[in-house]
């Protein structure tokens, strides 16, 4: 290769890796560069190590460096020799049965490729980093006590996010965390764990095939509240994870795969999300569902309550209630995921709900700028539905963002407050309610109603808000629903509103709303699933006649 070609390939990664290394990270990286041949390390120092993922040394080929974003450079025109490989091997720890080694007190990983006689003929020197704030986008999932599974292809940042989650749980949240560390991937090489895991304890796994045994040993011997596991990949490890979850221990783990659909089709790991099996329905049930007699069903409760698809270093897709998502996809219904964008330092830039399943269009998140796509249009909504609840709600241990989303979805006139003195209702989860933490105890003394959720999901919050509406509303619900429909008709017919979505109602009330819209010559249709199915009112299209309700749907 000509020297000009080398220079061209060196210039490519800089465009995708403009970040600057911190002093601590630079010092740890230098520990690895010092163990490489000088003709390999010098070009990396000159090029800049920001965004460096790994250095590849293969016998008889030029050494290369791979950068985040797909960039790759050739470090030297000379081929890698046996002396080069021996130089590196002599300065690192011994290779285990999984052909991995490391550098003590660092997160770097050196993996070996051997020939048929056991001789090392290739090395992959992977750069390990501890990134503060890497788990901020999913902190609301694991801080409530639910088990979380991180899913993504190799090199996307699963272990980095897992390491940060262990640090936050053990340090900021003061929980007993034990890391089951196979190949010292999470806590680094050596007997002393890397400071990136904080106060979390670490149990090393002598051989990869024994990981499931060490997982059980950690629960039986060390009384953890949280177990952190990397790369669940076998049926025995999936079974051990289920055993741990059934004992009431929170799990934070990772698995390989691009999307939830990949995991559903993986016979070895599908048990992590409840398992998929074929079920034969009765004739009556098949007719009721409108499906064939043989269908796919979720076999049991998922091991993990939530699943996070790590799509890139700055983007994750969150399935907060994995059981309901899997059920919806198996039955052919539409489902949604939360697409969360992450900025520098782990700052959460935005959250967008995106469709899943067959026929779902590629979403265009609202936080993307004009050069990456425009935000999706949203229908105009009326003011909060008649009857309330116009209450001040204090969330305790639940996601504020999801509560705000549930308030908008149910069109409740509620607001979110931070202090119990300002609250008229409290929303929390079962684990917090059982412990009767300070604010909950004070709420009981003040006589403030407490709504306890089974899970930290939008659907659970919507149900509680609808319950509040029934308690707080003194107006007849049918009258209030028809008045809401009348206001929507006026907004569509006379105020130029393109589309107005009403609050969720029962099938009987929706039929009345359809009839009211038909009498006034506007279109109406039903959307969503029970118990949140709702009517949408929109202008009549040119050439269309009056609309008449047909069941719960609408025909021209």
Protein backbone atom coordinates (compact mmCIF):
# COMPACT_ATOMS: atom_id res chain seq x y z
CA UNK A 1 0.00 0.00 0.00
CA UNK A 2 1.31 3.42 -0.90
CA UNK A 3 1.96 5.99 1.80
CA UNK A 4 -0.67 8.27 0.26
CA UNK A 5 -3.30 5.56 0.72
CA UNK A 6 -2.33 5.22 4.36
CA UNK A 7 -2.73 8.96 4.90
CA UNK A 8 -6.13 8.97 3.22
CA UNK A 9 -7.42 6.17 5.42
CA UNK A 10 -6.05 7.85 8.52
CA UNK A 11 -8.02 11.00 7.80
CA UNK A 12 -11.37 9.26 7.71
CA UNK A 13 -12.08 8.60 11.43
CA UNK A 14 -11.56 12.18 12.59
CA UNK A 15 -14.85 13.31 11.12
CA UNK A 16 -16.77 10.86 13.26
CA UNK A 17 -14.75 11.12 16.47
CA UNK A 18 -14.27 14.78 17.41
CA UNK A 19 -14.46 14.16 21.15
CA UNK A 20 -11.43 14.76 23.34
CA UNK A 21 -10.13 12.17 25.77
CA UNK A 22 -10.04 12.98 29.46
CA UNK A 23 -6.82 12.80 31.40
CA UNK A 24 -7.75 9.58 33.18
CA UNK A 25 -8.92 7.89 30.00
CA UNK A 26 -5.78 8.99 28.17
CA UNK A 27 -3.60 7.52 30.93
CA UNK A 28 -5.39 4.15 30.78
CA UNK A 29 -5.15 4.07 26.99
CA UNK A 30 -1.44 4.76 27.21
CA UNK A 31 -1.07 1.61 29.32
CA UNK A 32 -2.25 -0.42 26.33
CA UNK A 33 -0.29 1.56 23.74
CA UNK A 34 2.87 1.02 25.78
CA UNK A 35 2.47 -2.74 25.31
CA UNK A 36 2.18 -2.51 21.52
CA UNK A 37 5.19 -2.43 19.18
CA UNK A 38 6.44 1.13 18.82
CA UNK A 39 5.77 1.20 15.07
CA UNK A 40 2.12 0.43 15.87
CA UNK A 41 1.64 2.74 18.86
CA UNK A 42 3.32 5.83 17.37
CA UNK A 43 0.82 6.34 14.48
CA UNK A 44 -2.08 6.00 16.94
CA UNK A 45 -0.63 8.70 19.17
CA UNK A 46 -0.08 10.92 16.12
CA UNK A 47 -3.53 10.26 14.69
CA UNK A 48 -5.32 10.73 18.00
CA UNK A 49 -6.89 8.01 20.10
CA UNK A 50 -10.35 9.58 20.47
CA UNK A 51 -12.96 7.13 19.21
CA UNK A 52 -10.47 4.25 19.00
CA UNK A 53 -12.23 0.89 19.37
CA UNK A 54 -9.55 -1.71 18.79
CA UNK A 55 -6.16 -2.47 17.31
CA UNK A 56 -5.85 -5.61 15.15
CA UNK A 57 -2.58 -7.49 14.80
CA UNK A 58 -2.78 -10.45 12.38
CA UNK A 59 0.32 -12.39 11.41
CA UNK A 60 1.49 -11.54 7.90
CA UNK A 61 -0.83 -8.53 7.51
CA UNK A 62 -0.37 -4.80 8.19
CA UNK A 63 -1.54 -3.69 11.67
CA UNK A 64 -4.81 -1.74 11.62
CA UNK A 65 -6.82 0.43 14.01
CA UNK A 66 -10.61 0.60 13.98
CA UNK A 67 -12.51 3.68 15.09
CA UNK A 68 -16.07 4.40 16.14
CA UNK A 69 -18.29 5.09 13.16
CA UNK A 70 -16.67 2.47 10.91
CA UNK A 71 -13.36 4.20 10.23
CA UNK A 72 -10.26 2.02 9.85
CA UNK A 73 -6.63 2.99 9.28
CA UNK A 74 -3.47 1.07 8.44
CA UNK A 75 -0.85 1.83 11.05
CA UNK A 76 2.25 0.56 9.25
CA UNK A 77 3.10 -0.73 5.80
CA UNK A 78 5.15 -3.58 7.24
CA UNK A 79 3.38 -6.85 8.07
CA UNK A 80 2.91 -8.10 11.63
CA UNK A 81 5.60 -10.63 12.59
CA UNK A 82 5.76 -13.34 15.24
CA UNK A 83 8.09 -11.08 17.22
CA UNK A 84 5.42 -8.36 17.27
CA UNK A 85 2.81 -10.75 18.67
CA UNK A 86 5.25 -12.21 21.22
CA UNK A 87 6.13 -8.65 22.30
CA UNK A 88 2.49 -7.96 23.21
CA UNK A 89 1.77 -11.37 24.78
CA UNK A 90 4.78 -11.09 27.09
CA UNK A 91 3.45 -7.87 28.67
CA UNK A 92 -0.15 -8.83 29.45
CA UNK A 93 -1.82 -11.32 31.78
CA UNK A 94 -2.19 -14.97 30.87
CA UNK A 95 -4.87 -15.99 28.40
CA UNK A 96 -7.78 -17.94 29.83
CA UNK A 97 -9.72 -20.77 28.26
CA UNK A 98 -11.77 -18.19 26.40
CA UNK A 99 -8.56 -16.81 24.80
CA UNK A 100 -8.94 -13.47 26.53
CA UNK A 101 -6.40 -11.53 28.57
CA UNK A 102 -6.10 -8.01 29.95
CA UNK A 103 -4.05 -5.37 31.66
CA UNK A 104 -4.50 -5.11 35.47
CA UNK A 105 -6.68 -2.23 36.77
CA UNK A 106 -7.84 -1.35 33.24
CA UNK A 107 -10.85 -2.29 31.12
CA UNK A 108 -8.84 -3.16 28.01
CA UNK A 109 -9.30 -6.65 26.56
CA UNK A 110 -6.84 -8.56 24.40
CA UNK A 111 -8.31 -11.55 22.53
CA UNK A 112 -6.17 -14.15 20.77
CA UNK A 113 -6.61 -16.11 17.54
CA UNK A 114 -4.70 -19.43 17.53
CA UNK A 115 -3.74 -21.85 14.80
CA UNK A 116 -4.39 -25.60 14.97
CA UNK A 117 -1.26 -26.15 17.08
CA UNK A 118 -2.31 -23.52 19.66
CA UNK A 119 0.14 -20.87 18.46
CA UNK A 120 -1.17 -17.28 18.64
CA UNK A 121 -1.38 -15.84 15.12
CA UNK A 122 -3.63 -12.84 15.75
CA UNK A 123 -4.55 -10.35 18.47
CA UNK A 124 -7.54 -8.03 18.88
CA UNK A 125 -6.67 -5.30 21.38
CA UNK A 126 -10.05 -3.86 22.42
CA UNK A 127 -10.13 -0.47 24.16
CA UNK A 128 -12.25 -0.46 27.31
CA UNK A 129 -13.75 2.76 28.65
CA UNK A 130 -15.74 3.80 31.69
CA UNK A 131 -18.17 6.47 30.50
CA UNK A 132 -19.93 8.51 33.18
CA UNK A 133 -23.60 9.08 32.44
CA UNK A 134 -23.76 6.21 29.94
CA UNK A 135 -26.86 4.79 31.65
CA UNK A 136 -28.78 8.01 32.28
CA UNK A 137 -31.21 7.30 29.43
CA UNK A 138 -32.45 4.12 31.14
CA UNK A 139 -31.94 5.04 34.78
CA UNK A 140 -35.68 5.25 35.38
CA UNK A 141 -35.97 1.55 34.45
CA UNK A 142 -33.49 0.03 36.89
CA UNK A 143 -33.85 2.46 39.81
CA UNK A 144 -37.44 1.25 40.44
CA UNK A 145 -36.28 -2.33 41.05
CA UNK A 146 -37.31 -3.96 37.76
CA UNK A 147 -35.00 -6.28 35.85
CA UNK A 148 -33.60 -4.79 32.62
CA UNK A 149 -32.11 -6.59 29.59
CA UNK A 150 -29.79 -4.67 27.26
CA UNK A 151 -29.83 -5.90 23.67
CA UNK A 152 -27.48 -4.96 20.86
CA UNK A 153 -24.79 -6.17 18.44
CA UNK A 154 -21.14 -6.46 19.52
CA UNK A 155 -19.33 -3.16 19.99
CA UNK A 156 -22.40 -0.96 20.38
CA UNK A 157 -21.79 -0.14 24.06
CA UNK A 158 -23.77 -2.74 26.05
CA UNK A 159 -20.99 -3.45 28.54
CA UNK A 160 -20.23 0.26 28.98
CA UNK A 161 -23.87 0.95 29.86
CA UNK A 162 -23.96 -2.13 32.10
CA UNK A 163 -20.86 -1.00 34.00
CA UNK A 164 -22.33 2.45 34.59
CA UNK A 165 -25.63 0.92 35.77
CA UNK A 166 -23.70 -1.15 38.34
CA UNK A 167 -21.91 1.96 39.59
CA UNK A 168 -25.13 3.96 39.96
CA UNK A 169 -27.03 1.14 41.68
CA UNK A 170 -24.23 0.43 44.15
CA UNK A 171 -23.24 4.05 44.81
CA UNK A 172 -26.03 6.57 44.28
CA UNK A 173 -28.91 4.17 45.03
CA UNK A 174 -27.11 2.34 47.88
CA UNK A 175 -28.03 -1.21 46.83
CA UNK A 176 -26.09 -4.44 47.31
CA UNK A 177 -24.75 -5.15 43.83
CA UNK A 178 -22.75 -8.21 42.78
CA UNK A 179 -21.23 -8.39 39.28
CA UNK A 180 -20.82 -11.86 37.80
CA UNK A 181 -17.82 -11.03 35.63
CA UNK A 182 -16.96 -13.48 32.86
CA UNK A 183 -13.53 -12.83 31.32
CA UNK A 184 -13.22 -9.70 33.53
CA UNK A 185 -15.18 -7.79 30.90
CA UNK A 186 -17.07 -5.53 33.33
CA UNK A 187 -14.66 -4.92 36.20
CA UNK A 188 -11.36 -5.11 34.35
CA UNK A 189 -8.38 -7.44 34.67
CA UNK A 190 -6.73 -8.28 37.97
CA UNK A 191 -8.07 -8.96 41.47
CA UNK A 192 -9.03 -5.35 42.22
CA UNK A 193 -12.07 -4.18 40.21
CA UNK A 194 -11.81 -1.08 38.08
CA UNK A 195 -13.12 2.11 39.71
CA UNK A 196 -15.72 2.35 36.94
CA UNK A 197 -17.95 -0.15 38.80
CA UNK A 198 -17.97 1.99 41.95
CA UNK A 199 -18.87 0.14 45.17
CA UNK A 200 -20.24 -2.92 43.37
CA UNK A 201 -18.68 -6.24 44.33
CA UNK A 202 -17.27 -8.51 41.65
CA UNK A 203 -17.23 -12.32 41.36
CA UNK A 204 -14.89 -13.58 38.67
CA UNK A 205 -15.86 -16.60 36.56
CA UNK A 206 -12.98 -19.08 36.09
CA UNK A 207 -14.37 -20.51 32.83
CA UNK A 208 -17.14 -19.12 30.60
CA UNK A 209 -19.16 -22.35 30.78
CA UNK A 210 -19.42 -21.92 34.56
CA UNK A 211 -21.11 -18.52 34.43
CA UNK A 212 -24.54 -19.93 35.33
CA UNK A 213 -23.09 -21.65 38.42
CA UNK A 214 -21.42 -18.45 39.63
CA UNK A 215 -24.71 -16.59 39.11
CA UNK A 216 -26.50 -18.98 41.50
CA UNK A 217 -23.56 -18.94 43.93
CA UNK A 218 -23.69 -15.13 44.08
CA UNK A 219 -27.34 -15.21 45.17
CA UNK A 220 -26.92 -18.01 47.69
CA UNK A 221 -23.73 -16.76 49.35
CA UNK A 222 -23.71 -12.96 49.21
CA UNK A 223 -27.33 -11.77 49.58
CA UNK A 224 -27.33 -9.28 46.71
CA UNK A 225 -30.21 -7.00 45.83
CA UNK A 226 -28.95 -6.69 42.27
CA UNK A 227 -27.06 -9.13 40.02
CA UNK A 228 -25.24 -7.72 36.99
CA UNK A 229 -24.51 -10.17 34.15
CA UNK A 230 -22.84 -9.67 30.78
CA UNK A 231 -23.54 -11.68 27.63
CA UNK A 232 -26.27 -14.17 28.52
CA UNK A 233 -25.89 -16.62 25.66
CA UNK A 234 -26.75 -20.20 26.68
CA UNK A 235 -29.85 -22.02 27.84
CA UNK A 236 -28.23 -22.71 31.24
CA UNK A 237 -27.51 -19.01 31.75
CA UNK A 238 -31.07 -18.10 30.73
CA UNK A 239 -32.39 -20.67 33.23
CA UNK A 240 -30.11 -19.33 35.97
CA UNK A 241 -31.36 -15.80 35.24
CA UNK A 242 -34.97 -16.96 35.63
CA UNK A 243 -34.10 -18.72 38.91
CA UNK A 244 -32.53 -15.53 40.25
CA UNK A 245 -35.50 -13.41 39.20
CA UNK A 246 -37.92 -15.81 40.90
CA UNK A 247 -35.98 -15.27 44.14
CA UNK A 248 -36.76 -11.56 44.05
CA UNK A 249 -33.33 -10.34 42.96
CA UNK A 250 -33.11 -7.55 40.38
CA UNK A 251 -31.22 -8.49 37.21
CA UNK A 252 -29.34 -6.15 34.89
CA UNK A 253 -27.96 -8.13 31.95
CA UNK A 254 -26.99 -8.05 28.29
CA UNK A 255 -27.51 -10.33 25.29
CA UNK A 256 -26.48 -10.23 21.65
CA UNK A 257 -29.11 -9.31 19.07
CA UNK A 258 -30.23 -6.29 17.09
CA UNK A 259 -33.93 -6.05 17.93
CA UNK A 260 -36.66 -7.56 20.07
CA UNK A 261 -37.82 -9.58 17.07
CA UNK A 262 -34.37 -11.26 16.93
CA UNK A 263 -34.72 -12.32 20.54
CA UNK A 264 -38.25 -13.64 19.98
CA UNK A 265 -36.93 -15.88 17.19
CA UNK A 266 -33.95 -17.13 19.24
CA UNK A 267 -35.00 -20.48 20.75
CA UNK A 268 -32.17 -20.38 23.30
CA UNK A 269 -32.79 -16.89 24.69
CA UNK A 270 -36.52 -16.33 24.07
CA UNK A 271 -37.15 -17.55 27.63
CA UNK A 272 -35.72 -14.23 28.84
CA UNK A 273 -38.87 -12.55 27.49
CA UNK A 274 -41.29 -15.30 28.48
CA UNK A 275 -40.63 -17.93 25.80
CA UNK A 276 -42.61 -18.47 22.59
CA UNK A 277 -44.69 -21.59 22.03
CA UNK A 278 -47.35 -22.82 19.62
CA UNK A 279 -50.85 -23.12 21.10
CA UNK A 280 -53.98 -24.71 19.62
CA UNK A 281 -57.14 -22.70 20.30
CA UNK A 282 -60.68 -23.97 20.52
CA UNK A 283 -63.01 -23.24 17.61
CA UNK A 284 -64.88 -20.65 19.65
CA UNK A 285 -61.71 -18.85 20.76
CA UNK A 286 -60.30 -18.88 17.22
CA UNK A 287 -63.52 -17.32 15.89
CA UNK A 288 -63.51 -14.71 18.65
CA UNK A 289 -59.93 -13.71 17.86
CA UNK A 290 -60.40 -13.99 14.11
CA UNK A 291 -57.24 -16.11 13.77
CA UNK A 292 -56.21 -19.63 12.86
CA UNK A 293 -56.54 -22.35 15.48
CA UNK A 294 -52.76 -22.66 15.90
CA UNK A 295 -51.14 -19.44 17.12
CA UNK A 296 -47.98 -18.33 18.92
CA UNK A 297 -48.30 -17.34 22.58
CA UNK A 298 -45.97 -16.21 25.35
CA UNK A 299 -45.31 -19.24 27.55
CA UNK A 300 -44.71 -17.60 30.93
CA UNK A 301 -43.83 -14.36 32.68
CA UNK A 302 -40.64 -12.75 31.28
CA UNK A 303 -37.44 -12.93 33.31
CA UNK A 304 -36.83 -9.24 32.57
CA UNK A 305 -39.56 -6.62 32.98
CA UNK A 306 -37.96 -4.19 30.51
CA UNK A 307 -35.81 -4.47 27.40
CA UNK A 308 -33.52 -1.84 25.87
CA UNK A 309 -32.35 -2.06 22.25
CA UNK A 310 -29.05 -0.18 22.00
CA UNK A 311 -29.17 1.01 18.40
CA UNK A 312 -26.12 3.29 18.55
CA UNK A 313 -23.93 5.11 21.05
CA UNK A 314 -26.45 7.96 21.12
CA UNK A 315 -29.77 6.17 20.63
CA UNK A 316 -31.73 3.46 22.46
CA UNK A 317 -35.21 2.00 22.01
CA UNK A 318 -36.96 1.16 25.30
CA UNK A 319 -39.67 -1.45 25.83
CA UNK A 320 -40.73 -0.60 29.39
CA UNK A 321 -43.31 -3.42 29.64
CA UNK A 322 -41.84 -6.26 27.61
CA UNK A 323 -44.66 -8.69 28.39
CA UNK A 324 -47.37 -6.55 26.81
CA UNK A 325 -45.15 -5.72 23.84
CA UNK A 326 -44.42 -9.39 23.11
CA UNK A 327 -48.12 -10.28 23.46
CA UNK A 328 -49.12 -7.53 21.04
CA UNK A 329 -46.54 -8.52 18.43
CA UNK A 330 -47.46 -12.21 18.63
CA UNK A 331 -51.14 -11.41 18.06
CA UNK A 332 -50.42 -9.11 15.15
CA UNK A 333 -51.37 -5.92 16.98
CA UNK A 334 -49.42 -2.69 16.82
CA UNK A 335 -47.04 -1.87 19.64
CA UNK A 336 -44.79 1.05 20.50
CA UNK A 337 -41.28 1.61 21.82
CA UNK A 338 -39.68 4.72 23.30
CA UNK A 339 -36.84 5.97 21.14
CA UNK A 340 -34.50 7.99 23.35
CA UNK A 341 -31.70 10.22 22.05
CA UNK A 342 -28.58 10.74 24.17
CA UNK A 343 -26.28 13.75 23.95
CA UNK A 344 -22.82 14.47 25.31
CA UNK A 345 -22.24 13.46 28.90
CA UNK A 346 -25.29 11.19 28.85
CA UNK A 347 -27.76 14.09 28.55
CA UNK A 348 -31.19 12.84 27.48
CA UNK A 349 -32.14 14.94 24.45
CA UNK A 350 -35.62 13.64 23.70
CA UNK A 351 -38.11 10.78 23.84
CA UNK A 352 -40.30 9.67 20.95
CA UNK A 353 -42.83 6.81 20.86
CA UNK A 354 -42.37 4.82 17.65
CA UNK A 355 -44.49 2.02 16.11
CA UNK A 356 -43.44 -1.62 15.99
CA UNK A 357 -44.68 -4.67 14.16
CA UNK A 358 -45.76 -5.54 10.64
CA UNK A 359 -46.38 -2.51 8.46
CA UNK A 360 -44.92 -0.04 10.95
CA UNK A 361 -43.26 2.86 9.17
CA UNK A 362 -39.74 4.00 9.95
CA UNK A 363 -40.16 6.71 12.60
CA UNK A 364 -38.74 10.19 12.29
CA UNK A 365 -37.97 11.35 15.86
CA UNK A 366 -38.98 14.89 16.72
CA UNK A 367 -35.51 15.80 18.02
CA UNK A 368 -33.91 15.29 14.60
CA UNK A 369 -33.10 18.51 12.81
CA UNK A 370 -34.19 19.47 9.28
CA UNK A 371 -31.11 17.84 7.78
CA UNK A 372 -32.10 14.47 9.29
CA UNK A 373 -35.87 14.62 8.79
CA UNK A 374 -38.88 16.54 9.97
CA UNK A 375 -40.96 15.76 13.05
CA UNK A 376 -44.11 13.73 12.48
CA UNK A 377 -47.36 15.76 12.50
CA UNK A 378 -49.61 15.25 15.50
CA UNK A 379 -53.39 15.73 15.67
CA UNK A 380 -54.73 18.75 17.47
CA UNK A 381 -56.18 17.99 20.91
CA UNK A 382 -58.87 19.76 22.91
CA UNK A 383 -58.42 20.94 26.46
CA UNK A 384 -58.64 18.33 29.27
CA UNK A 385 -61.77 16.21 29.12
CA UNK A 386 -64.79 17.34 31.20
CA UNK A 387 -64.90 15.83 34.65
CA UNK A 388 -61.19 16.07 35.43
CA UNK A 389 -59.30 14.88 37.27
CA UNK A 390 -57.82 18.32 37.87
CA UNK A 391 -55.45 17.06 40.52
CA UNK A 392 -51.89 17.75 41.52
CA UNK A 393 -50.05 14.42 41.45
CA UNK A 394 -46.70 13.70 43.06
CA UNK A 395 -44.86 10.75 41.40
CA UNK A 396 -42.74 8.77 43.86
CA UNK A 397 -40.45 6.18 42.27
CA UNK A 398 -42.20 6.39 38.90
CA UNK A 399 -41.16 8.10 35.68
CA UNK A 400 -42.23 11.76 35.45
CA UNK A 401 -41.95 11.62 31.67
CA UNK A 402 -44.30 8.65 31.41
CA UNK A 403 -46.75 10.22 33.83
CA UNK A 404 -46.81 13.37 31.67
CA UNK A 405 -47.40 11.18 28.63
CA UNK A 406 -50.25 9.33 30.37
CA UNK A 407 -51.85 12.65 31.37
CA UNK A 408 -51.74 13.77 27.74
CA UNK A 409 -53.06 10.42 26.43
CA UNK A 410 -56.05 10.34 28.80
CA UNK A 411 -56.62 14.11 28.46
CA UNK A 412 -56.61 14.54 32.20
CA UNK A 413 -56.35 18.02 33.72
CA UNK A 414 -53.75 16.80 36.17
CA UNK A 415 -50.41 18.42 36.93
CA UNK A 416 -47.18 17.03 38.36
CA UNK A 417 -45.75 18.42 41.62
CA UNK A 418 -42.57 17.67 43.55
CA UNK A 419 -43.60 18.16 47.19
CA UNK A 420 -46.12 16.21 49.24
CA UNK A 421 -47.40 19.49 50.67
CA UNK A 422 -48.62 20.49 47.18
CA UNK A 423 -50.02 17.08 46.21
CA UNK A 424 -53.64 15.95 46.06
CA UNK A 425 -52.66 12.40 45.04
CA UNK A 426 -49.52 10.25 45.01
CA UNK A 427 -48.57 7.67 42.38
CA UNK A 428 -45.99 5.01 43.27
CA UNK A 429 -44.97 1.37 42.76
CA UNK A 430 -45.63 -1.66 44.93
CA UNK A 431 -42.05 -2.02 46.29
CA UNK A 432 -42.04 1.60 47.49
CA UNK A 433 -45.52 1.31 48.97
CA UNK A 434 -44.56 -1.82 50.92
CA UNK A 435 -41.58 0.00 52.43
CA UNK A 436 -43.71 3.06 53.29
CA UNK A 437 -40.91 5.51 52.51
CA UNK A 438 -41.07 9.00 54.07
CA UNK A 439 -43.34 10.80 51.54
CA UNK A 440 -45.77 7.87 51.44
CA UNK A 441 -46.02 7.73 55.20
CA UNK A 442 -46.66 11.48 55.29
CA UNK A 443 -49.30 11.14 52.55
CA UNK A 444 -51.19 8.57 54.62
CA UNK A 445 -51.06 10.86 57.67
CA UNK A 446 -52.45 13.73 55.59
CA UNK A 447 -55.18 11.54 54.09
CA UNK A 448 -53.85 11.96 50.54
CA UNK A 449 -54.90 9.06 48.28
CA UNK A 450 -52.06 6.82 47.05
CA UNK A 451 -52.37 5.04 43.70
CA UNK A 452 -50.13 1.95 43.55
CA UNK A 453 -48.98 0.74 40.11
CA UNK A 454 -47.97 -2.81 39.25
CA UNK A 455 -45.33 -1.56 36.79
CA UNK A 456 -43.70 1.72 35.81
CA UNK A 457 -45.52 1.88 32.47
CA UNK A 458 -47.68 4.42 30.67
CA UNK A 459 -50.63 2.00 30.48
CA UNK A 460 -50.65 1.51 34.27
CA UNK A 461 -50.59 5.27 34.81
CA UNK A 462 -53.42 5.75 32.30
CA UNK A 463 -55.58 3.27 34.23
CA UNK A 464 -54.93 5.11 37.50
CA UNK A 465 -55.80 8.44 35.88
CA UNK A 466 -59.06 6.99 34.58
CA UNK A 467 -59.78 5.72 38.08
CA UNK A 468 -59.21 9.23 39.42
CA UNK A 469 -61.60 10.56 36.80
CA UNK A 470 -64.33 8.24 38.06
CA UNK A 471 -63.68 9.32 41.64
CA UNK A 472 -63.37 13.05 41.01
CA UNK A 473 -66.03 13.57 38.34
CA UNK A 474 -69.41 14.56 39.69
CA UNK A 475 -70.88 15.00 36.18
CA UNK A 476 -72.61 12.07 34.46
CA UNK A 477 -69.90 10.41 32.28
CA UNK A 478 -72.23 9.97 29.28
CA UNK A 479 -73.22 13.64 29.34
CA UNK A 480 -69.61 14.71 29.70
CA UNK A 481 -68.52 12.47 26.80
CA UNK A 482 -71.24 13.82 24.48
CA UNK A 483 -70.39 17.39 25.44
CA UNK A 484 -66.77 16.66 24.60
CA UNK A 485 -67.85 15.27 21.22
CA UNK A 486 -69.96 18.37 20.54
CA UNK A 487 -66.96 20.60 21.26
CA UNK A 488 -64.87 18.51 18.89
CA UNK A 489 -67.50 18.80 16.12
CA UNK A 490 -67.55 22.59 16.54
CA UNK A 491 -63.75 22.73 16.45
CA UNK A 492 -63.61 20.62 13.27
CA UNK A 493 -66.56 22.16 11.41
CA UNK A 494 -66.15 25.84 12.28
CA UNK A 495 -62.67 26.45 13.74
CA UNK A 496 -60.61 24.71 11.05
CA UNK A 497 -59.18 21.97 13.31
CA UNK A 498 -57.83 19.19 11.14
CA UNK A 499 -58.46 16.36 13.57
CA UNK A 500 -59.55 16.10 17.21
CA UNK A 501 -59.02 13.00 19.33
CA UNK A 502 -61.50 12.43 22.17
CA UNK A 503 -60.83 10.77 25.50
CA UNK A 504 -61.15 6.97 25.83
CA UNK A 505 -64.72 5.71 26.38
CA UNK A 506 -66.70 2.48 26.50
CA UNK A 507 -68.14 0.96 23.32
CA UNK A 508 -71.66 2.24 24.06
CA UNK A 509 -70.52 5.85 24.57
CA UNK A 510 -68.31 5.68 21.46
CA UNK A 511 -71.38 4.65 19.44
CA UNK A 512 -73.25 7.72 20.70
CA UNK A 513 -70.30 9.92 19.78
CA UNK A 514 -70.22 8.42 16.27
CA UNK A 515 -73.94 9.13 15.85
CA UNK A 516 -73.51 12.72 17.01
CA UNK A 517 -70.65 13.27 14.51
CA UNK A 518 -72.72 11.72 11.72
CA UNK A 519 -75.67 14.04 12.40
CA UNK A 520 -73.40 17.06 11.99
CA UNK A 521 -71.81 15.81 8.74
CA UNK A 522 -68.26 15.18 9.95
CA UNK A 523 -66.21 12.01 9.91
CA UNK A 524 -65.43 9.89 12.95
CA UNK A 525 -63.44 6.72 13.55
CA UNK A 526 -62.28 4.64 16.50
CA UNK A 527 -58.62 4.09 17.33
CA UNK A 528 -56.56 2.28 19.93
CA UNK A 529 -57.13 -0.83 22.03
CA UNK A 530 -59.39 -1.39 24.99
CA UNK A 531 -59.70 0.08 27.56
CA UNK A 532 -58.20 3.16 25.84
CA UNK A 533 -60.10 2.94 22.54
CA UNK A 534 -61.27 6.42 21.58
CA UNK A 535 -63.08 8.34 18.85
CA UNK A 536 -61.31 10.73 16.47
CA UNK A 537 -63.35 13.46 14.77
CA UNK A 538 -62.17 14.95 11.46
CA UNK A 539 -63.62 17.05 8.60
CA UNK A 540 -65.69 15.29 5.93
CA UNK A 541 -63.69 14.73 2.73
CA UNK A 542 -64.88 16.21 -0.52
CA UNK A 543 -67.25 13.86 -2.35
CA UNK A 544 -68.13 11.92 0.79
CA UNK A 545 -71.63 11.82 2.17
CA UNK A 546 -72.76 11.71 5.74
CA UNK A 547 -71.19 9.01 7.86
CA UNK A 548 -73.20 6.40 9.69
CA UNK A 549 -71.80 4.34 12.59
CA UNK A 550 -71.37 0.63 11.93
CA UNK A 551 -70.72 -1.20 15.19
CA UNK A 552 -67.75 0.56 16.72
CA UNK A 553 -66.31 1.48 13.34
CA UNK A 554 -67.62 3.93 10.78
CA UNK A 555 -68.89 3.51 7.21
CA UNK A 556 -69.78 6.04 4.53
